[in-house]
């Protein structure tokens, strides 16, 4: 579970950075 959550959060980070880039 810990490993899966870590992977999920990293994927969320990538999505957040991509979204901010598009918005800029």
PDBML (XML) file of the C-alpha atoms, coordinates in Angstrom:
<?xml version="1.0" encoding="UTF-8" ?>
<PDBx:datablock datablockName="MODEL"
   xmlns:PDBx="http://pdbml.pdb.org/schema/pdbx-v50.xsd"
   xmlns:xsi="http://www.w3.org/2001/XMLSchema-instance"
   xsi:schemaLocation="http://pdbml.pdb.org/schema/pdbx-v50.xsd pdbx-v50.xsd">
   <PDBx:atom_siteCategory>
      <PDBx:atom_site id="1">
         <PDBx:B_iso_or_equiv>0.00</PDBx:B_iso_or_equiv>
         <PDBx:Cartn_x>0.000</PDBx:Cartn_x>
         <PDBx:Cartn_y>0.000</PDBx:Cartn_y>
         <PDBx:Cartn_z>0.000</PDBx:Cartn_z>
         <PDBx:auth_asym_id>A</PDBx:auth_asym_id>
         <PDBx:auth_atom_id>CA</PDBx:auth_atom_id>
         <PDBx:auth_comp_id>UNK</PDBx:auth_comp_id>
         <PDBx:auth_seq_id>1</PDBx:auth_seq_id>
         <PDBx:group_PDB>ATOM</PDBx:group_PDB>
         <PDBx:label_alt_id xsi:nil="true" />
         <PDBx:label_asym_id>A</PDBx:label_asym_id>
         <PDBx:label_atom_id>CA</PDBx:label_atom_id>
         <PDBx:label_comp_id>UNK</PDBx:label_comp_id>
         <PDBx:label_entity_id>1</PDBx:label_entity_id>
         <PDBx:label_seq_id>1</PDBx:label_seq_id>
         <PDBx:occupancy>1.00</PDBx:occupancy>
         <PDBx:pdbx_PDB_model_num>1</PDBx:pdbx_PDB_model_num>
         <PDBx:type_symbol>C</PDBx:type_symbol>
      </PDBx:atom_site>
      <PDBx:atom_site id="2">
         <PDBx:B_iso_or_equiv>0.00</PDBx:B_iso_or_equiv>
         <PDBx:Cartn_x>2.810</PDBx:Cartn_x>
         <PDBx:Cartn_y>2.401</PDBx:Cartn_y>
         <PDBx:Cartn_z>0.910</PDBx:Cartn_z>
         <PDBx:auth_asym_id>A</PDBx:auth_asym_id>
         <PDBx:auth_atom_id>CA</PDBx:auth_atom_id>
         <PDBx:auth_comp_id>UNK</PDBx:auth_comp_id>
         <PDBx:auth_seq_id>2</PDBx:auth_seq_id>
         <PDBx:group_PDB>ATOM</PDBx:group_PDB>
         <PDBx:label_alt_id xsi:nil="true" />
         <PDBx:label_asym_id>A</PDBx:label_asym_id>
         <PDBx:label_atom_id>CA</PDBx:label_atom_id>
         <PDBx:label_comp_id>UNK</PDBx:label_comp_id>
         <PDBx:label_entity_id>1</PDBx:label_entity_id>
         <PDBx:label_seq_id>2</PDBx:label_seq_id>
         <PDBx:occupancy>1.00</PDBx:occupancy>
         <PDBx:pdbx_PDB_model_num>1</PDBx:pdbx_PDB_model_num>
         <PDBx:type_symbol>C</PDBx:type_symbol>
      </PDBx:atom_site>
      <PDBx:atom_site id="3">
         <PDBx:B_iso_or_equiv>0.00</PDBx:B_iso_or_equiv>
         <PDBx:Cartn_x>4.568</PDBx:Cartn_x>
         <PDBx:Cartn_y>1.718</PDBx:Cartn_y>
         <PDBx:Cartn_z>-2.387</PDBx:Cartn_z>
         <PDBx:auth_asym_id>A</PDBx:auth_asym_id>
         <PDBx:auth_atom_id>CA</PDBx:auth_atom_id>
         <PDBx:auth_comp_id>UNK</PDBx:auth_comp_id>
         <PDBx:auth_seq_id>3</PDBx:auth_seq_id>
         <PDBx:group_PDB>ATOM</PDBx:group_PDB>
         <PDBx:label_alt_id xsi:nil="true" />
         <PDBx:label_asym_id>A</PDBx:label_asym_id>
         <PDBx:label_atom_id>CA</PDBx:label_atom_id>
         <PDBx:label_comp_id>UNK</PDBx:label_comp_id>
         <PDBx:label_entity_id>1</PDBx:label_entity_id>
         <PDBx:label_seq_id>3</PDBx:label_seq_id>
         <PDBx:occupancy>1.00</PDBx:occupancy>
         <PDBx:pdbx_PDB_model_num>1</PDBx:pdbx_PDB_model_num>
         <PDBx:type_symbol>C</PDBx:type_symbol>
      </PDBx:atom_site>
      <PDBx:atom_site id="4">
         <PDBx:B_iso_or_equiv>0.00</PDBx:B_iso_or_equiv>
         <PDBx:Cartn_x>1.353</PDBx:Cartn_x>
         <PDBx:Cartn_y>2.159</PDBx:Cartn_y>
         <PDBx:Cartn_z>-4.365</PDBx:Cartn_z>
         <PDBx:auth_asym_id>A</PDBx:auth_asym_id>
         <PDBx:auth_atom_id>CA</PDBx:auth_atom_id>
         <PDBx:auth_comp_id>UNK</PDBx:auth_comp_id>
         <PDBx:auth_seq_id>4</PDBx:auth_seq_id>
         <PDBx:group_PDB>ATOM</PDBx:group_PDB>
         <PDBx:label_alt_id xsi:nil="true" />
         <PDBx:label_asym_id>A</PDBx:label_asym_id>
         <PDBx:label_atom_id>CA</PDBx:label_atom_id>
         <PDBx:label_comp_id>UNK</PDBx:label_comp_id>
         <PDBx:label_entity_id>1</PDBx:label_entity_id>
         <PDBx:label_seq_id>4</PDBx:label_seq_id>
         <PDBx:occupancy>1.00</PDBx:occupancy>
         <PDBx:pdbx_PDB_model_num>1</PDBx:pdbx_PDB_model_num>
         <PDBx:type_symbol>C</PDBx:type_symbol>
      </PDBx:atom_site>
      <PDBx:atom_site id="5">
         <PDBx:B_iso_or_equiv>0.00</PDBx:B_iso_or_equiv>
         <PDBx:Cartn_x>0.560</PDBx:Cartn_x>
         <PDBx:Cartn_y>5.437</PDBx:Cartn_y>
         <PDBx:Cartn_z>-2.616</PDBx:Cartn_z>
         <PDBx:auth_asym_id>A</PDBx:auth_asym_id>
         <PDBx:auth_atom_id>CA</PDBx:auth_atom_id>
         <PDBx:auth_comp_id>UNK</PDBx:auth_comp_id>
         <PDBx:auth_seq_id>5</PDBx:auth_seq_id>
         <PDBx:group_PDB>ATOM</PDBx:group_PDB>
         <PDBx:label_alt_id xsi:nil="true" />
         <PDBx:label_asym_id>A</PDBx:label_asym_id>
         <PDBx:label_atom_id>CA</PDBx:label_atom_id>
         <PDBx:label_comp_id>UNK</PDBx:label_comp_id>
         <PDBx:label_entity_id>1</PDBx:label_entity_id>
         <PDBx:label_seq_id>5</PDBx:label_seq_id>
         <PDBx:occupancy>1.00</PDBx:occupancy>
         <PDBx:pdbx_PDB_model_num>1</PDBx:pdbx_PDB_model_num>
         <PDBx:type_symbol>C</PDBx:type_symbol>
      </PDBx:atom_site>
      <PDBx:atom_site id="6">
         <PDBx:B_iso_or_equiv>0.00</PDBx:B_iso_or_equiv>
         <PDBx:Cartn_x>4.077</PDBx:Cartn_x>
         <PDBx:Cartn_y>6.689</PDBx:Cartn_y>
         <PDBx:Cartn_z>-3.289</PDBx:Cartn_z>
         <PDBx:auth_asym_id>A</PDBx:auth_asym_id>
         <PDBx:auth_atom_id>CA</PDBx:auth_atom_id>
         <PDBx:auth_comp_id>UNK</PDBx:auth_comp_id>
         <PDBx:auth_seq_id>6</PDBx:auth_seq_id>
         <PDBx:group_PDB>ATOM</PDBx:group_PDB>
         <PDBx:label_alt_id xsi:nil="true" />
         <PDBx:label_asym_id>A</PDBx:label_asym_id>
         <PDBx:label_atom_id>CA</PDBx:label_atom_id>
         <PDBx:label_comp_id>UNK</PDBx:label_comp_id>
         <PDBx:label_entity_id>1</PDBx:label_entity_id>
         <PDBx:label_seq_id>6</PDBx:label_seq_id>
         <PDBx:occupancy>1.00</PDBx:occupancy>
         <PDBx:pdbx_PDB_model_num>1</PDBx:pdbx_PDB_model_num>
         <PDBx:type_symbol>C</PDBx:type_symbol>
      </PDBx:atom_site>
      <PDBx:atom_site id="7">
         <PDBx:B_iso_or_equiv>0.00</PDBx:B_iso_or_equiv>
         <PDBx:Cartn_x>3.693</PDBx:Cartn_x>
         <PDBx:Cartn_y>5.909</PDBx:Cartn_y>
         <PDBx:Cartn_z>-6.988</PDBx:Cartn_z>
         <PDBx:auth_asym_id>A</PDBx:auth_asym_id>
         <PDBx:auth_atom_id>CA</PDBx:auth_atom_id>
         <PDBx:auth_comp_id>UNK</PDBx:auth_comp_id>
         <PDBx:auth_seq_id>7</PDBx:auth_seq_id>
         <PDBx:group_PDB>ATOM</PDBx:group_PDB>
         <PDBx:label_alt_id xsi:nil="true" />
         <PDBx:label_asym_id>A</PDBx:label_asym_id>
         <PDBx:label_atom_id>CA</PDBx:label_atom_id>
         <PDBx:label_comp_id>UNK</PDBx:label_comp_id>
         <PDBx:label_entity_id>1</PDBx:label_entity_id>
         <PDBx:label_seq_id>7</PDBx:label_seq_id>
         <PDBx:occupancy>1.00</PDBx:occupancy>
         <PDBx:pdbx_PDB_model_num>1</PDBx:pdbx_PDB_model_num>
         <PDBx:type_symbol>C</PDBx:type_symbol>
      </PDBx:atom_site>
      <PDBx:atom_site id="8">
         <PDBx:B_iso_or_equiv>0.00</PDBx:B_iso_or_equiv>
         <PDBx:Cartn_x>0.268</PDBx:Cartn_x>
         <PDBx:Cartn_y>7.559</PDBx:Cartn_y>
         <PDBx:Cartn_z>-7.035</PDBx:Cartn_z>
         <PDBx:auth_asym_id>A</PDBx:auth_asym_id>
         <PDBx:auth_atom_id>CA</PDBx:auth_atom_id>
         <PDBx:auth_comp_id>UNK</PDBx:auth_comp_id>
         <PDBx:auth_seq_id>8</PDBx:auth_seq_id>
         <PDBx:group_PDB>ATOM</PDBx:group_PDB>
         <PDBx:label_alt_id xsi:nil="true" />
         <PDBx:label_asym_id>A</PDBx:label_asym_id>
         <PDBx:label_atom_id>CA</PDBx:label_atom_id>
         <PDBx:label_comp_id>UNK</PDBx:label_comp_id>
         <PDBx:label_entity_id>1</PDBx:label_entity_id>
         <PDBx:label_seq_id>8</PDBx:label_seq_id>
         <PDBx:occupancy>1.00</PDBx:occupancy>
         <PDBx:pdbx_PDB_model_num>1</PDBx:pdbx_PDB_model_num>
         <PDBx:type_symbol>C</PDBx:type_symbol>
      </PDBx:atom_site>
      <PDBx:atom_site id="9">
         <PDBx:B_iso_or_equiv>0.00</PDBx:B_iso_or_equiv>
         <PDBx:Cartn_x>1.618</PDBx:Cartn_x>
         <PDBx:Cartn_y>10.752</PDBx:Cartn_y>
         <PDBx:Cartn_z>-5.500</PDBx:Cartn_z>
         <PDBx:auth_asym_id>A</PDBx:auth_asym_id>
         <PDBx:auth_atom_id>CA</PDBx:auth_atom_id>
         <PDBx:auth_comp_id>UNK</PDBx:auth_comp_id>
         <PDBx:auth_seq_id>9</PDBx:auth_seq_id>
         <PDBx:group_PDB>ATOM</PDBx:group_PDB>
         <PDBx:label_alt_id xsi:nil="true" />
         <PDBx:label_asym_id>A</PDBx:label_asym_id>
         <PDBx:label_atom_id>CA</PDBx:label_atom_id>
         <PDBx:label_comp_id>UNK</PDBx:label_comp_id>
         <PDBx:label_entity_id>1</PDBx:label_entity_id>
         <PDBx:label_seq_id>9</PDBx:label_seq_id>
         <PDBx:occupancy>1.00</PDBx:occupancy>
         <PDBx:pdbx_PDB_model_num>1</PDBx:pdbx_PDB_model_num>
         <PDBx:type_symbol>C</PDBx:type_symbol>
      </PDBx:atom_site>
      <PDBx:atom_site id="10">
         <PDBx:B_iso_or_equiv>0.00</PDBx:B_iso_or_equiv>
         <PDBx:Cartn_x>4.521</PDBx:Cartn_x>
         <PDBx:Cartn_y>10.925</PDBx:Cartn_y>
         <PDBx:Cartn_z>-7.949</PDBx:Cartn_z>
         <PDBx:auth_asym_id>A</PDBx:auth_asym_id>
         <PDBx:auth_atom_id>CA</PDBx:auth_atom_id>
         <PDBx:auth_comp_id>UNK</PDBx:auth_comp_id>
         <PDBx:auth_seq_id>10</PDBx:auth_seq_id>
         <PDBx:group_PDB>ATOM</PDBx:group_PDB>
         <PDBx:label_alt_id xsi:nil="true" />
         <PDBx:label_asym_id>A</PDBx:label_asym_id>
         <PDBx:label_atom_id>CA</PDBx:label_atom_id>
         <PDBx:label_comp_id>UNK</PDBx:label_comp_id>
         <PDBx:label_entity_id>1</PDBx:label_entity_id>
         <PDBx:label_seq_id>10</PDBx:label_seq_id>
         <PDBx:occupancy>1.00</PDBx:occupancy>
         <PDBx:pdbx_PDB_model_num>1</PDBx:pdbx_PDB_model_num>
         <PDBx:type_symbol>C</PDBx:type_symbol>
      </PDBx:atom_site>
      <PDBx:atom_site id="11">
         <PDBx:B_iso_or_equiv>0.00</PDBx:B_iso_or_equiv>
         <PDBx:Cartn_x>2.070</PDBx:Cartn_x>
         <PDBx:Cartn_y>10.562</PDBx:Cartn_y>
         <PDBx:Cartn_z>-10.840</PDBx:Cartn_z>
         <PDBx:auth_asym_id>A</PDBx:auth_asym_id>
         <PDBx:auth_atom_id>CA</PDBx:auth_atom_id>
         <PDBx:auth_comp_id>UNK</PDBx:auth_comp_id>
         <PDBx:auth_seq_id>11</PDBx:auth_seq_id>
         <PDBx:group_PDB>ATOM</PDBx:group_PDB>
         <PDBx:label_alt_id xsi:nil="true" />
         <PDBx:label_asym_id>A</PDBx:label_asym_id>
         <PDBx:label_atom_id>CA</PDBx:label_atom_id>
         <PDBx:label_comp_id>UNK</PDBx:label_comp_id>
         <PDBx:label_entity_id>1</PDBx:label_entity_id>
         <PDBx:label_seq_id>11</PDBx:label_seq_id>
         <PDBx:occupancy>1.00</PDBx:occupancy>
         <PDBx:pdbx_PDB_model_num>1</PDBx:pdbx_PDB_model_num>
         <PDBx:type_symbol>C</PDBx:type_symbol>
      </PDBx:atom_site>
      <PDBx:atom_site id="12">
         <PDBx:B_iso_or_equiv>0.00</PDBx:B_iso_or_equiv>
         <PDBx:Cartn_x>-0.022</PDBx:Cartn_x>
         <PDBx:Cartn_y>13.336</PDBx:Cartn_y>
         <PDBx:Cartn_z>-9.291</PDBx:Cartn_z>
         <PDBx:auth_asym_id>A</PDBx:auth_asym_id>
         <PDBx:auth_atom_id>CA</PDBx:auth_atom_id>
         <PDBx:auth_comp_id>UNK</PDBx:auth_comp_id>
         <PDBx:auth_seq_id>12</PDBx:auth_seq_id>
         <PDBx:group_PDB>ATOM</PDBx:group_PDB>
         <PDBx:label_alt_id xsi:nil="true" />
         <PDBx:label_asym_id>A</PDBx:label_asym_id>
         <PDBx:label_atom_id>CA</PDBx:label_atom_id>
         <PDBx:label_comp_id>UNK</PDBx:label_comp_id>
         <PDBx:label_entity_id>1</PDBx:label_entity_id>
         <PDBx:label_seq_id>12</PDBx:label_seq_id>
         <PDBx:occupancy>1.00</PDBx:occupancy>
         <PDBx:pdbx_PDB_model_num>1</PDBx:pdbx_PDB_model_num>
         <PDBx:type_symbol>C</PDBx:type_symbol>
      </PDBx:atom_site>
      <PDBx:atom_site id="13">
         <PDBx:B_iso_or_equiv>0.00</PDBx:B_iso_or_equiv>
         <PDBx:Cartn_x>3.093</PDBx:Cartn_x>
         <PDBx:Cartn_y>15.519</PDBx:Cartn_y>
         <PDBx:Cartn_z>-9.116</PDBx:Cartn_z>
         <PDBx:auth_asym_id>A</PDBx:auth_asym_id>
         <PDBx:auth_atom_id>CA</PDBx:auth_atom_id>
         <PDBx:auth_comp_id>UNK</PDBx:auth_comp_id>
         <PDBx:auth_seq_id>13</PDBx:auth_seq_id>
         <PDBx:group_PDB>ATOM</PDBx:group_PDB>
         <PDBx:label_alt_id xsi:nil="true" />
         <PDBx:label_asym_id>A</PDBx:label_asym_id>
         <PDBx:label_atom_id>CA</PDBx:label_atom_id>
         <PDBx:label_comp_id>UNK</PDBx:label_comp_id>
         <PDBx:label_entity_id>1</PDBx:label_entity_id>
         <PDBx:label_seq_id>13</PDBx:label_seq_id>
         <PDBx:occupancy>1.00</PDBx:occupancy>
         <PDBx:pdbx_PDB_model_num>1</PDBx:pdbx_PDB_model_num>
         <PDBx:type_symbol>C</PDBx:type_symbol>
      </PDBx:atom_site>
      <PDBx:atom_site id="14">
         <PDBx:B_iso_or_equiv>0.00</PDBx:B_iso_or_equiv>
         <PDBx:Cartn_x>3.750</PDBx:Cartn_x>
         <PDBx:Cartn_y>15.021</PDBx:Cartn_y>
         <PDBx:Cartn_z>-12.836</PDBx:Cartn_z>
         <PDBx:auth_asym_id>A</PDBx:auth_asym_id>
         <PDBx:auth_atom_id>CA</PDBx:auth_atom_id>
         <PDBx:auth_comp_id>UNK</PDBx:auth_comp_id>
         <PDBx:auth_seq_id>14</PDBx:auth_seq_id>
         <PDBx:group_PDB>ATOM</PDBx:group_PDB>
         <PDBx:label_alt_id xsi:nil="true" />
         <PDBx:label_asym_id>A</PDBx:label_asym_id>
         <PDBx:label_atom_id>CA</PDBx:label_atom_id>
         <PDBx:label_comp_id>UNK</PDBx:label_comp_id>
         <PDBx:label_entity_id>1</PDBx:label_entity_id>
         <PDBx:label_seq_id>14</PDBx:label_seq_id>
         <PDBx:occupancy>1.00</PDBx:occupancy>
         <PDBx:pdbx_PDB_model_num>1</PDBx:pdbx_PDB_model_num>
         <PDBx:type_symbol>C</PDBx:type_symbol>
      </PDBx:atom_site>
      <PDBx:atom_site id="15">
         <PDBx:B_iso_or_equiv>0.00</PDBx:B_iso_or_equiv>
         <PDBx:Cartn_x>0.138</PDBx:Cartn_x>
         <PDBx:Cartn_y>15.917</PDBx:Cartn_y>
         <PDBx:Cartn_z>-13.601</PDBx:Cartn_z>
         <PDBx:auth_asym_id>A</PDBx:auth_asym_id>
         <PDBx:auth_atom_id>CA</PDBx:auth_atom_id>
         <PDBx:auth_comp_id>UNK</PDBx:auth_comp_id>
         <PDBx:auth_seq_id>15</PDBx:auth_seq_id>
         <PDBx:group_PDB>ATOM</PDBx:group_PDB>
         <PDBx:label_alt_id xsi:nil="true" />
         <PDBx:label_asym_id>A</PDBx:label_asym_id>
         <PDBx:label_atom_id>CA</PDBx:label_atom_id>
         <PDBx:label_comp_id>UNK</PDBx:label_comp_id>
         <PDBx:label_entity_id>1</PDBx:label_entity_id>
         <PDBx:label_seq_id>15</PDBx:label_seq_id>
         <PDBx:occupancy>1.00</PDBx:occupancy>
         <PDBx:pdbx_PDB_model_num>1</PDBx:pdbx_PDB_model_num>
         <PDBx:type_symbol>C</PDBx:type_symbol>
      </PDBx:atom_site>
      <PDBx:atom_site id="16">
         <PDBx:B_iso_or_equiv>0.00</PDBx:B_iso_or_equiv>
         <PDBx:Cartn_x>0.275</PDBx:Cartn_x>
         <PDBx:Cartn_y>19.024</PDBx:Cartn_y>
         <PDBx:Cartn_z>-11.410</PDBx:Cartn_z>
         <PDBx:auth_asym_id>A</PDBx:auth_asym_id>
         <PDBx:auth_atom_id>CA</PDBx:auth_atom_id>
         <PDBx:auth_comp_id>UNK</PDBx:auth_comp_id>
         <PDBx:auth_seq_id>16</PDBx:auth_seq_id>
         <PDBx:group_PDB>ATOM</PDBx:group_PDB>
         <PDBx:label_alt_id xsi:nil="true" />
         <PDBx:label_asym_id>A</PDBx:label_asym_id>
         <PDBx:label_atom_id>CA</PDBx:label_atom_id>
         <PDBx:label_comp_id>UNK</PDBx:label_comp_id>
         <PDBx:label_entity_id>1</PDBx:label_entity_id>
         <PDBx:label_seq_id>16</PDBx:label_seq_id>
         <PDBx:occupancy>1.00</PDBx:occupancy>
         <PDBx:pdbx_PDB_model_num>1</PDBx:pdbx_PDB_model_num>
         <PDBx:type_symbol>C</PDBx:type_symbol>
      </PDBx:atom_site>
      <PDBx:atom_site id="17">
         <PDBx:B_iso_or_equiv>0.00</PDBx:B_iso_or_equiv>
         <PDBx:Cartn_x>3.451</PDBx:Cartn_x>
         <PDBx:Cartn_y>20.336</PDBx:Cartn_y>
         <PDBx:Cartn_z>-13.072</PDBx:Cartn_z>
         <PDBx:auth_asym_id>A</PDBx:auth_asym_id>
         <PDBx:auth_atom_id>CA</PDBx:auth_atom_id>
         <PDBx:auth_comp_id>UNK</PDBx:auth_comp_id>
         <PDBx:auth_seq_id>17</PDBx:auth_seq_id>
         <PDBx:group_PDB>ATOM</PDBx:group_PDB>
         <PDBx:label_alt_id xsi:nil="true" />
         <PDBx:label_asym_id>A</PDBx:label_asym_id>
         <PDBx:label_atom_id>CA</PDBx:label_atom_id>
         <PDBx:label_comp_id>UNK</PDBx:label_comp_id>
         <PDBx:label_entity_id>1</PDBx:label_entity_id>
         <PDBx:label_seq_id>17</PDBx:label_seq_id>
         <PDBx:occupancy>1.00</PDBx:occupancy>
         <PDBx:pdbx_PDB_model_num>1</PDBx:pdbx_PDB_model_num>
         <PDBx:type_symbol>C</PDBx:type_symbol>
      </PDBx:atom_site>
      <PDBx:atom_site id="18">
         <PDBx:B_iso_or_equiv>0.00</PDBx:B_iso_or_equiv>
         <PDBx:Cartn_x>2.047</PDBx:Cartn_x>
         <PDBx:Cartn_y>19.635</PDBx:Cartn_y>
         <PDBx:Cartn_z>-16.532</PDBx:Cartn_z>
         <PDBx:auth_asym_id>A</PDBx:auth_asym_id>
         <PDBx:auth_atom_id>CA</PDBx:auth_atom_id>
         <PDBx:auth_comp_id>UNK</PDBx:auth_comp_id>
         <PDBx:auth_seq_id>18</PDBx:auth_seq_id>
         <PDBx:group_PDB>ATOM</PDBx:group_PDB>
         <PDBx:label_alt_id xsi:nil="true" />
         <PDBx:label_asym_id>A</PDBx:label_asym_id>
         <PDBx:label_atom_id>CA</PDBx:label_atom_id>
         <PDBx:label_comp_id>UNK</PDBx:label_comp_id>
         <PDBx:label_entity_id>1</PDBx:label_entity_id>
         <PDBx:label_seq_id>18</PDBx:label_seq_id>
         <PDBx:occupancy>1.00</PDBx:occupancy>
         <PDBx:pdbx_PDB_model_num>1</PDBx:pdbx_PDB_model_num>
         <PDBx:type_symbol>C</PDBx:type_symbol>
      </PDBx:atom_site>
      <PDBx:atom_site id="19">
         <PDBx:B_iso_or_equiv>0.00</PDBx:B_iso_or_equiv>
         <PDBx:Cartn_x>-1.217</PDBx:Cartn_x>
         <PDBx:Cartn_y>21.402</PDBx:Cartn_y>
         <PDBx:Cartn_z>-15.669</PDBx:Cartn_z>
         <PDBx:auth_asym_id>A</PDBx:auth_asym_id>
         <PDBx:auth_atom_id>CA</PDBx:auth_atom_id>
         <PDBx:auth_comp_id>UNK</PDBx:auth_comp_id>
         <PDBx:auth_seq_id>19</PDBx:auth_seq_id>
         <PDBx:group_PDB>ATOM</PDBx:group_PDB>
         <PDBx:label_alt_id xsi:nil="true" />
         <PDBx:label_asym_id>A</PDBx:label_asym_id>
         <PDBx:label_atom_id>CA</PDBx:label_atom_id>
         <PDBx:label_comp_id>UNK</PDBx:label_comp_id>
         <PDBx:label_entity_id>1</PDBx:label_entity_id>
         <PDBx:label_seq_id>19</PDBx:label_seq_id>
         <PDBx:occupancy>1.00</PDBx:occupancy>
         <PDBx:pdbx_PDB_model_num>1</PDBx:pdbx_PDB_model_num>
         <PDBx:type_symbol>C</PDBx:type_symbol>
      </PDBx:atom_site>
      <PDBx:atom_site id="20">
         <PDBx:B_iso_or_equiv>0.00</PDBx:B_iso_or_equiv>
         <PDBx:Cartn_x>0.590</PDBx:Cartn_x>
         <PDBx:Cartn_y>24.483</PDBx:Cartn_y>
         <PDBx:Cartn_z>-14.358</PDBx:Cartn_z>
         <PDBx:auth_asym_id>A</PDBx:auth_asym_id>
         <PDBx:auth_atom_id>CA</PDBx:auth_atom_id>
         <PDBx:auth_comp_id>UNK</PDBx:auth_comp_id>
         <PDBx:auth_seq_id>20</PDBx:auth_seq_id>
         <PDBx:group_PDB>ATOM</PDBx:group_PDB>
         <PDBx:label_alt_id xsi:nil="true" />
         <PDBx:label_asym_id>A</PDBx:label_asym_id>
         <PDBx:label_atom_id>CA</PDBx:label_atom_id>
         <PDBx:label_comp_id>UNK</PDBx:label_comp_id>
         <PDBx:label_entity_id>1</PDBx:label_entity_id>
         <PDBx:label_seq_id>20</PDBx:label_seq_id>
         <PDBx:occupancy>1.00</PDBx:occupancy>
         <PDBx:pdbx_PDB_model_num>1</PDBx:pdbx_PDB_model_num>
         <PDBx:type_symbol>C</PDBx:type_symbol>
      </PDBx:atom_site>
      <PDBx:atom_site id="21">
         <PDBx:B_iso_or_equiv>0.00</PDBx:B_iso_or_equiv>
         <PDBx:Cartn_x>2.718</PDBx:Cartn_x>
         <PDBx:Cartn_y>24.612</PDBx:Cartn_y>
         <PDBx:Cartn_z>-17.512</PDBx:Cartn_z>
         <PDBx:auth_asym_id>A</PDBx:auth_asym_id>
         <PDBx:auth_atom_id>CA</PDBx:auth_atom_id>
         <PDBx:auth_comp_id>UNK</PDBx:auth_comp_id>
         <PDBx:auth_seq_id>21</PDBx:auth_seq_id>
         <PDBx:group_PDB>ATOM</PDBx:group_PDB>
         <PDBx:label_alt_id xsi:nil="true" />
         <PDBx:label_asym_id>A</PDBx:label_asym_id>
         <PDBx:label_atom_id>CA</PDBx:label_atom_id>
         <PDBx:label_comp_id>UNK</PDBx:label_comp_id>
         <PDBx:label_entity_id>1</PDBx:label_entity_id>
         <PDBx:label_seq_id>21</PDBx:label_seq_id>
         <PDBx:occupancy>1.00</PDBx:occupancy>
         <PDBx:pdbx_PDB_model_num>1</PDBx:pdbx_PDB_model_num>
         <PDBx:type_symbol>C</PDBx:type_symbol>
      </PDBx:atom_site>
      <PDBx:atom_site id="22">
         <PDBx:B_iso_or_equiv>0.00</PDBx:B_iso_or_equiv>
         <PDBx:Cartn_x>-0.346</PDBx:Cartn_x>
         <PDBx:Cartn_y>24.478</PDBx:Cartn_y>
         <PDBx:Cartn_z>-19.755</PDBx:Cartn_z>
         <PDBx:auth_asym_id>A</PDBx:auth_asym_id>
         <PDBx:auth_atom_id>CA</PDBx:auth_atom_id>
         <PDBx:auth_comp_id>UNK</PDBx:auth_comp_id>
         <PDBx:auth_seq_id>22</PDBx:auth_seq_id>
         <PDBx:group_PDB>ATOM</PDBx:group_PDB>
         <PDBx:label_alt_id xsi:nil="true" />
         <PDBx:label_asym_id>A</PDBx:label_asym_id>
         <PDBx:label_atom_id>CA</PDBx:label_atom_id>
         <PDBx:label_comp_id>UNK</PDBx:label_comp_id>
         <PDBx:label_entity_id>1</PDBx:label_entity_id>
         <PDBx:label_seq_id>22</PDBx:label_seq_id>
         <PDBx:occupancy>1.00</PDBx:occupancy>
         <PDBx:pdbx_PDB_model_num>1</PDBx:pdbx_PDB_model_num>
         <PDBx:type_symbol>C</PDBx:type_symbol>
      </PDBx:atom_site>
      <PDBx:atom_site id="23">
         <PDBx:B_iso_or_equiv>0.00</PDBx:B_iso_or_equiv>
         <PDBx:Cartn_x>-2.090</PDBx:Cartn_x>
         <PDBx:Cartn_y>27.153</PDBx:Cartn_y>
         <PDBx:Cartn_z>-17.680</PDBx:Cartn_z>
         <PDBx:auth_asym_id>A</PDBx:auth_asym_id>
         <PDBx:auth_atom_id>CA</PDBx:auth_atom_id>
         <PDBx:auth_comp_id>UNK</PDBx:auth_comp_id>
         <PDBx:auth_seq_id>23</PDBx:auth_seq_id>
         <PDBx:group_PDB>ATOM</PDBx:group_PDB>
         <PDBx:label_alt_id xsi:nil="true" />
         <PDBx:label_asym_id>A</PDBx:label_asym_id>
         <PDBx:label_atom_id>CA</PDBx:label_atom_id>
         <PDBx:label_comp_id>UNK</PDBx:label_comp_id>
         <PDBx:label_entity_id>1</PDBx:label_entity_id>
         <PDBx:label_seq_id>23</PDBx:label_seq_id>
         <PDBx:occupancy>1.00</PDBx:occupancy>
         <PDBx:pdbx_PDB_model_num>1</PDBx:pdbx_PDB_model_num>
         <PDBx:type_symbol>C</PDBx:type_symbol>
      </PDBx:atom_site>
      <PDBx:atom_site id="24">
         <PDBx:B_iso_or_equiv>0.00</PDBx:B_iso_or_equiv>
         <PDBx:Cartn_x>0.923</PDBx:Cartn_x>
         <PDBx:Cartn_y>29.487</PDBx:Cartn_y>
         <PDBx:Cartn_z>-17.883</PDBx:Cartn_z>
         <PDBx:auth_asym_id>A</PDBx:auth_asym_id>
         <PDBx:auth_atom_id>CA</PDBx:auth_atom_id>
         <PDBx:auth_comp_id>UNK</PDBx:auth_comp_id>
         <PDBx:auth_seq_id>24</PDBx:auth_seq_id>
         <PDBx:group_PDB>ATOM</PDBx:group_PDB>
         <PDBx:label_alt_id xsi:nil="true" />
         <PDBx:label_asym_id>A</PDBx:label_asym_id>
         <PDBx:label_atom_id>CA</PDBx:label_atom_id>
         <PDBx:label_comp_id>UNK</PDBx:label_comp_id>
         <PDBx:label_entity_id>1</PDBx:label_entity_id>
         <PDBx:label_seq_id>24</PDBx:label_seq_id>
         <PDBx:occupancy>1.00</PDBx:occupancy>
         <PDBx:pdbx_PDB_model_num>1</PDBx:pdbx_PDB_model_num>
         <PDBx:type_symbol>C</PDBx:type_symbol>
      </PDBx:atom_site>
   </PDBx:atom_siteCategory>
</PDBx:datablock>
